[in-house]
Protein backbone atom coordinates (compact mmCIF):
# COMPACT_ATOMS: atom_id res chain seq x y z
CA MET A 1 0.10 -0.28 0.20
CA THR A 2 1.19 3.62 -0.74
CA LYS A 3 1.72 6.00 1.47
CA ALA A 4 -0.24 8.05 0.57
CA LYS A 5 -2.94 5.85 0.77
CA LEU A 6 -1.79 5.07 4.20
CA ILE A 7 -2.47 8.37 5.39
CA GLN A 8 -5.28 8.59 3.97
CA LEU A 9 -6.78 5.86 6.23
CA ILE A 10 -5.34 6.79 9.19
CA HIS A 11 -7.35 10.07 8.48
CA ILE A 12 -10.51 8.31 7.74
CA ALA A 13 -9.88 6.20 11.47
CA LYS A 14 -9.43 9.64 13.04
CA GLY A 15 -12.86 10.64 11.76
CA GLN A 16 -14.61 7.01 12.02
CA LEU A 17 -13.01 6.90 15.82
CA GLY A 18 -13.83 10.66 16.72
CA LEU A 19 -10.60 11.83 18.01
CA ASP A 20 -10.13 15.03 18.79
CA ASP A 21 -6.25 16.55 17.16
CA ASP A 22 -4.33 15.88 21.10
CA THR A 23 -5.79 12.29 21.41
CA TYR A 24 -4.86 11.80 17.45
CA ARG A 25 -1.67 13.84 18.10
CA ALA A 26 -0.86 11.79 21.33
CA ALA A 27 -2.17 8.42 19.01
CA LEU A 28 0.76 8.66 16.56
CA LEU A 29 3.13 9.45 18.95
CA GLY A 30 2.30 6.21 20.95
CA ALA A 31 2.37 3.51 18.21
CA ALA A 32 5.24 5.77 15.78
CA GLY A 33 7.62 7.82 18.22
CA LYS A 34 6.09 10.93 15.31
CA THR A 35 3.11 13.73 15.63
CA SER A 36 3.23 13.91 12.22
CA CYS A 37 2.24 11.20 9.27
CA SER A 38 3.93 13.43 6.66
CA GLN A 39 7.02 12.73 8.54
CA MET A 40 6.69 8.79 9.20
CA SER A 41 7.74 6.14 6.74
CA LEU A 42 5.70 2.84 5.63
CA PRO A 43 6.51 1.03 9.07
CA GLU A 44 5.92 3.25 10.92
CA LEU A 45 2.00 4.66 8.83
CA ASN A 46 1.31 0.84 9.35
CA LYS A 47 1.84 0.78 12.68
CA VAL A 48 -0.31 3.48 13.71
CA LEU A 49 -2.89 2.27 10.97
CA ASP A 50 -3.19 -1.07 13.13
CA HIS A 51 -2.74 0.82 16.66
CA PHE A 52 -6.42 2.58 15.51
CA LYS A 53 -7.37 -1.22 13.97
CA LYS A 54 -7.43 -2.45 17.83
CA ALA A 55 -9.17 0.43 18.69
CA GLY A 56 -11.96 -0.09 16.50
CA PHE A 57 -11.66 1.01 13.10
CA LYS A 58 -13.00 -0.80 9.93
CA THR A 59 -11.37 -0.14 7.15
CA LYS A 60 -14.31 -1.23 5.47
CA ALA A 61 -17.27 0.20 7.28
CA LYS A 62 -20.64 -0.24 5.78
CA ARG A 63 -22.08 3.04 3.48
CA ARG A 64 -23.62 5.50 4.96
CA LEU A 65 -26.68 6.91 4.42
CA SER A 66 -27.32 10.76 3.65
CA PRO A 67 -28.77 11.54 7.21
CA LYS A 68 -32.24 14.10 7.00
CA SER A 69 -31.23 17.61 6.13
CA SER A 70 -31.84 19.81 9.02
CA PRO A 71 -32.41 23.43 9.04
CA LYS A 72 -29.03 24.10 11.02
CA GLN A 73 -26.74 22.72 8.24
CA LEU A 74 -25.46 25.09 5.52
CA GLY A 75 -27.94 25.44 3.24
CA GLU A 76 -24.99 24.81 0.85
CA ILE A 77 -24.38 21.21 2.43
CA ASN A 78 -28.37 20.33 1.83
CA LYS A 79 -28.44 21.77 -1.68
CA ILE A 80 -25.48 19.25 -2.49
CA ARG A 81 -27.07 16.41 -0.58
CA ALA A 82 -30.30 17.14 -2.91
CA ILE A 83 -27.94 17.06 -5.98
CA TRP A 84 -26.36 13.74 -5.27
CA ILE A 85 -29.12 11.63 -4.17
CA THR A 86 -30.90 13.07 -6.98
CA MET A 87 -28.19 12.37 -9.75
CA HIS A 88 -28.14 8.82 -8.33
CA LYS A 89 -32.64 7.85 -9.06
CA GLN A 90 -31.38 9.36 -12.28
CA SER A 91 -28.81 7.05 -13.05
CA PHE A 92 -26.26 9.64 -13.41
CA VAL A 93 -23.56 8.18 -10.30
CA ARG A 94 -24.38 4.70 -8.81
CA ASP A 95 -23.65 5.07 -5.59
CA GLY A 96 -26.17 7.73 -3.52
CA SER A 97 -24.87 6.77 -0.01
CA GLU A 98 -23.10 9.34 2.10
CA THR A 99 -19.79 7.40 1.25
CA ALA A 100 -19.89 7.65 -1.95
CA LEU A 101 -20.89 11.59 -1.08
CA ASP A 102 -17.42 12.44 0.87
CA ALA A 103 -15.84 10.59 -1.32
CA TYR A 104 -16.74 12.87 -4.30
CA VAL A 105 -15.92 16.00 -1.33
CA ASN A 106 -12.53 14.91 -0.79
CA ARG A 107 -11.53 14.32 -4.72
CA MET A 108 -12.83 17.65 -5.31
CA LEU A 109 -11.22 19.63 -1.90
CA ASN A 110 -8.13 17.83 -2.61
CA ARG A 111 -7.60 17.77 -6.45
CA ALA A 112 -5.29 21.14 -6.15
CA LYS A 113 -3.28 20.39 -2.82
CA VAL A 114 0.05 19.91 -2.38
CA GLY A 115 1.42 16.88 -0.08
CA GLU A 116 -0.53 14.75 2.25
CA ASN A 117 -4.86 14.82 1.86
CA VAL A 118 -6.88 16.17 3.91
CA SER A 119 -10.45 13.94 4.51
CA TYR A 120 -13.45 16.06 4.79
CA HIS A 121 -16.58 14.41 5.69
CA THR A 122 -19.58 16.76 3.99
CA GLN A 123 -21.89 17.57 7.30
CA PHE A 124 -19.06 18.84 8.76
CA LEU A 125 -17.72 21.72 6.03
CA THR A 126 -17.58 24.95 6.03
CA LEU A 127 -19.58 27.53 4.05
CA THR A 128 -16.26 27.88 1.58
CA GLN A 129 -15.91 24.25 1.15
CA ALA A 130 -19.27 23.89 0.54
CA ILE A 131 -19.40 26.50 -2.08
CA GLN A 132 -16.28 25.11 -4.17
CA VAL A 133 -18.09 21.39 -3.76
CA LEU A 134 -21.75 22.78 -5.17
CA GLU A 135 -20.75 24.96 -7.97
CA PRO A 136 -18.58 21.55 -9.46
CA LEU A 137 -20.86 19.72 -8.91
CA LYS A 138 -24.03 21.86 -10.22
CA LYS A 139 -21.43 21.67 -13.57
CA TRP A 140 -21.48 18.04 -13.93
CA HIS A 141 -25.37 17.43 -13.77
CA LYS A 142 -25.78 19.88 -15.90
CA ARG A 143 -23.87 18.00 -18.54
CA GLU A 144 -25.25 15.08 -17.93
CA MET A 145 -28.57 16.08 -18.27
CA VAL A 146 -27.83 17.82 -21.43
CA ALA A 147 -25.75 14.55 -22.40
CA HIS A 148 -29.16 12.26 -21.89
CA LEU A 149 -31.38 14.85 -23.74
CA LYS A 150 -28.95 15.10 -27.08
CA ALA A 151 -28.89 10.86 -27.07
CA ASN A 152 -31.85 9.72 -26.61
CA ASN A 153 -32.95 12.71 -29.22
CA MET A 154 -35.57 14.46 -26.61
CA GLN A 155 -37.97 17.11 -27.56
CA ALA A 156 -36.97 19.77 -24.82
CA TYR A 157 -39.34 21.87 -22.58
CA GLU A 158 -39.10 24.74 -21.82
CA ALA A 159 -42.11 25.21 -19.09
CA PHE A 160 -43.79 28.47 -18.60
CA ASN A 161 -47.41 29.50 -17.57
CA CYS A 162 -50.43 31.05 -20.28
CA LEU A 163 -53.41 31.48 -18.14
CA VAL A 164 -55.63 30.33 -21.03
CA SER A 165 -58.78 28.61 -19.73
CA GLY A 166 -57.27 27.85 -16.40
CA GLN A 167 -54.42 25.94 -18.24
CA THR A 168 -50.52 25.80 -18.37
CA TYR A 169 -48.58 25.50 -21.43
CA ALA A 170 -45.50 24.60 -22.60
CA ARG A 171 -43.72 25.66 -25.49
CA PRO A 172 -41.09 23.57 -27.53
CA ILE A 173 -37.68 25.01 -27.51
CA PRO A 174 -34.61 23.46 -29.78
CA LEU A 175 -32.38 20.66 -28.14
CA SER A 176 -29.37 23.32 -29.27
CA THR A 177 -29.72 25.77 -26.84
CA VAL A 178 -30.16 23.66 -23.93
CA PRO A 179 -26.47 23.54 -23.19
CA HIS A 180 -26.95 27.71 -22.93
CA LYS A 181 -29.77 27.68 -20.22
CA SER A 182 -28.83 27.97 -16.45
CA TYR A 183 -28.31 25.00 -14.04
CA GLN A 184 -32.48 25.31 -12.74
CA GLY A 185 -33.53 25.79 -16.54
CA VAL A 186 -31.91 22.87 -17.39
CA CYS A 187 -33.22 20.92 -14.69
CA ASN A 188 -36.42 22.03 -15.49
CA ILE A 189 -36.29 21.54 -19.20
CA PHE A 190 -35.06 17.59 -18.00
CA GLU A 191 -37.86 17.22 -15.52
CA ILE A 192 -40.41 17.87 -18.02
CA SER A 193 -38.91 16.33 -20.98
CA THR A 194 -38.30 12.56 -18.67
CA ASN A 195 -41.64 12.98 -16.95
CA GLU A 196 -39.57 12.72 -13.23
CA ILE A 197 -42.22 12.22 -10.66
CA ASN A 198 -40.10 13.58 -8.14
CA PRO A 199 -39.76 17.23 -8.46
CA LEU A 200 -35.74 18.56 -8.86
CA PRO A 201 -33.57 20.25 -5.72
CA ARG A 202 -34.33 23.69 -6.27
CA VAL A 203 -30.43 25.35 -6.18
């Protein structure tokens, strides 16, 4: 196992075991004689990992489902979860669990970092971090919806209200214009064109 992978597992163990920074550093010092993973050799990192496994760390933990949205959490976090679950229902992502979402969050936030990666959990993101995840996720979702519409040669529709005899009408728009619509606009078009039962998240 590579050094980067071992460090990633150790950081995951820290979160899984609920260790604060002082307890975590003390555990590193006791297991390998150093307080930073970046300063450790492969054998030392393995000693730390074995120590955390004995303390209860499970390297193959069960997938965590997304918790219910809470008004106490940042609105951006709830939006991230809503889009991720929606993409899973639309078959754009294979795994709609919180575990899979955390993995995506880690890829996004560690992409430009140099050195050892940091382990993030969606529910603990700061506002700045949440925005750094939300915007690329919206762009990814939009690309998937546009590609699906084009691949299936569907007639796209943009809904608008026309108060004639109390009915609502929709006017057709060319598929070529869909990619240039806003994220929410594409969500609306996709929902109407594919007859989605569940409404898409409003973001």
